[in-house]
Amino acid sequence: MLSSIIKIAFTALALAAWQLFLQPLWNAWIESQGKAVGFGETALGWFLVLSAAWIVSSLVTRRIKRNG
């Protein structure tokens, strides 16, 4: 149960950071390449953030389970 809460918390933090800080940078970078931000670019951004959140939360919960 604790590991699920930790994973949800990491995902929520990652999504908030993406929405506030990283997505504008991502969109500006895509547009600087002369391309429009479409469905694929948006999906790739979300995939990268959710993958990173999943990896970090898995490492943290594994460490907590090992020590506790």
Protein backbone atom coordinates (compact mmCIF):
# COMPACT_ATOMS: atom_id res chain seq x y z
CA MET A 1 0.00 0.00 0.00
CA LEU A 2 2.80 2.42 0.88
CA SER A 3 4.60 1.68 -2.39
CA SER A 4 1.44 2.49 -4.36
CA ILE A 5 1.08 5.82 -2.58
CA ILE A 6 4.73 6.64 -3.24
CA LYS A 7 4.38 5.78 -6.93
CA ILE A 8 1.26 7.92 -7.24
CA ALA A 9 2.99 10.81 -5.46
CA PHE A 10 6.04 10.63 -7.76
CA THR A 11 3.78 10.51 -10.80
CA ALA A 12 1.81 13.53 -9.60
CA LEU A 13 5.00 15.49 -8.91
CA ALA A 14 6.41 14.60 -12.32
CA LEU A 15 3.22 15.62 -14.09
CA ALA A 16 3.08 18.93 -12.22
CA ALA A 17 6.73 19.67 -13.06
CA TRP A 18 6.07 18.76 -16.69
CA GLN A 19 3.02 21.00 -16.91
CA LEU A 20 4.61 24.02 -15.23
CA PHE A 21 8.26 23.94 -16.27
CA LEU A 22 9.17 21.37 -18.88
CA GLN A 23 6.30 21.41 -21.38
CA PRO A 24 6.84 25.05 -22.41
CA LEU A 25 10.52 24.28 -23.00
CA TRP A 26 9.64 21.13 -24.95
CA ASN A 27 7.12 22.99 -27.11
CA ALA A 28 9.59 25.84 -27.75
CA TRP A 29 12.27 23.33 -28.77
CA ILE A 30 9.90 21.55 -31.18
CA GLU A 31 8.87 24.88 -32.70
CA SER A 32 12.51 26.00 -32.99
CA GLN A 33 13.06 22.97 -35.22
CA GLY A 34 10.48 24.41 -37.61
CA LYS A 35 7.80 21.88 -36.73
CA ALA A 36 4.37 22.22 -35.19
CA VAL A 37 3.54 20.64 -31.85
CA GLY A 38 1.10 17.91 -32.74
CA PHE A 39 -0.26 14.70 -31.33
CA GLY A 40 2.97 12.72 -31.71
CA GLU A 41 5.15 15.36 -30.07
CA THR A 42 2.72 15.72 -27.19
CA ALA A 43 2.47 11.94 -26.71
CA LEU A 44 6.26 11.60 -26.75
CA GLY A 45 6.62 14.27 -24.07
CA TRP A 46 4.08 12.59 -21.82
CA PHE A 47 5.70 9.20 -22.44
CA LEU A 48 9.13 10.49 -21.41
CA VAL A 49 7.82 12.10 -18.22
CA LEU A 50 5.70 9.14 -17.17
CA SER A 51 8.54 6.72 -17.90
CA ALA A 52 10.96 8.76 -15.80
CA ALA A 53 8.43 8.97 -12.94
CA TRP A 54 7.85 5.22 -13.09
CA ILE A 55 11.58 4.43 -13.04
CA VAL A 56 12.33 6.80 -10.15
CA SER A 57 9.36 5.65 -8.08
CA SER A 58 10.29 2.00 -8.65
CA LEU A 59 13.84 2.63 -7.48
CA VAL A 60 12.63 4.50 -4.39
CA THR A 61 10.05 1.88 -3.42
CA ARG A 62 12.58 -0.93 -4.00
CA ARG A 63 15.01 0.81 -1.69
CA ILE A 64 12.33 1.35 0.97
CA LYS A 65 11.29 -2.32 0.82
CA ARG A 66 14.92 -3.42 1.10
CA ASN A 67 15.60 -1.22 4.14
CA GLY A 68 12.27 -1.59 5.88
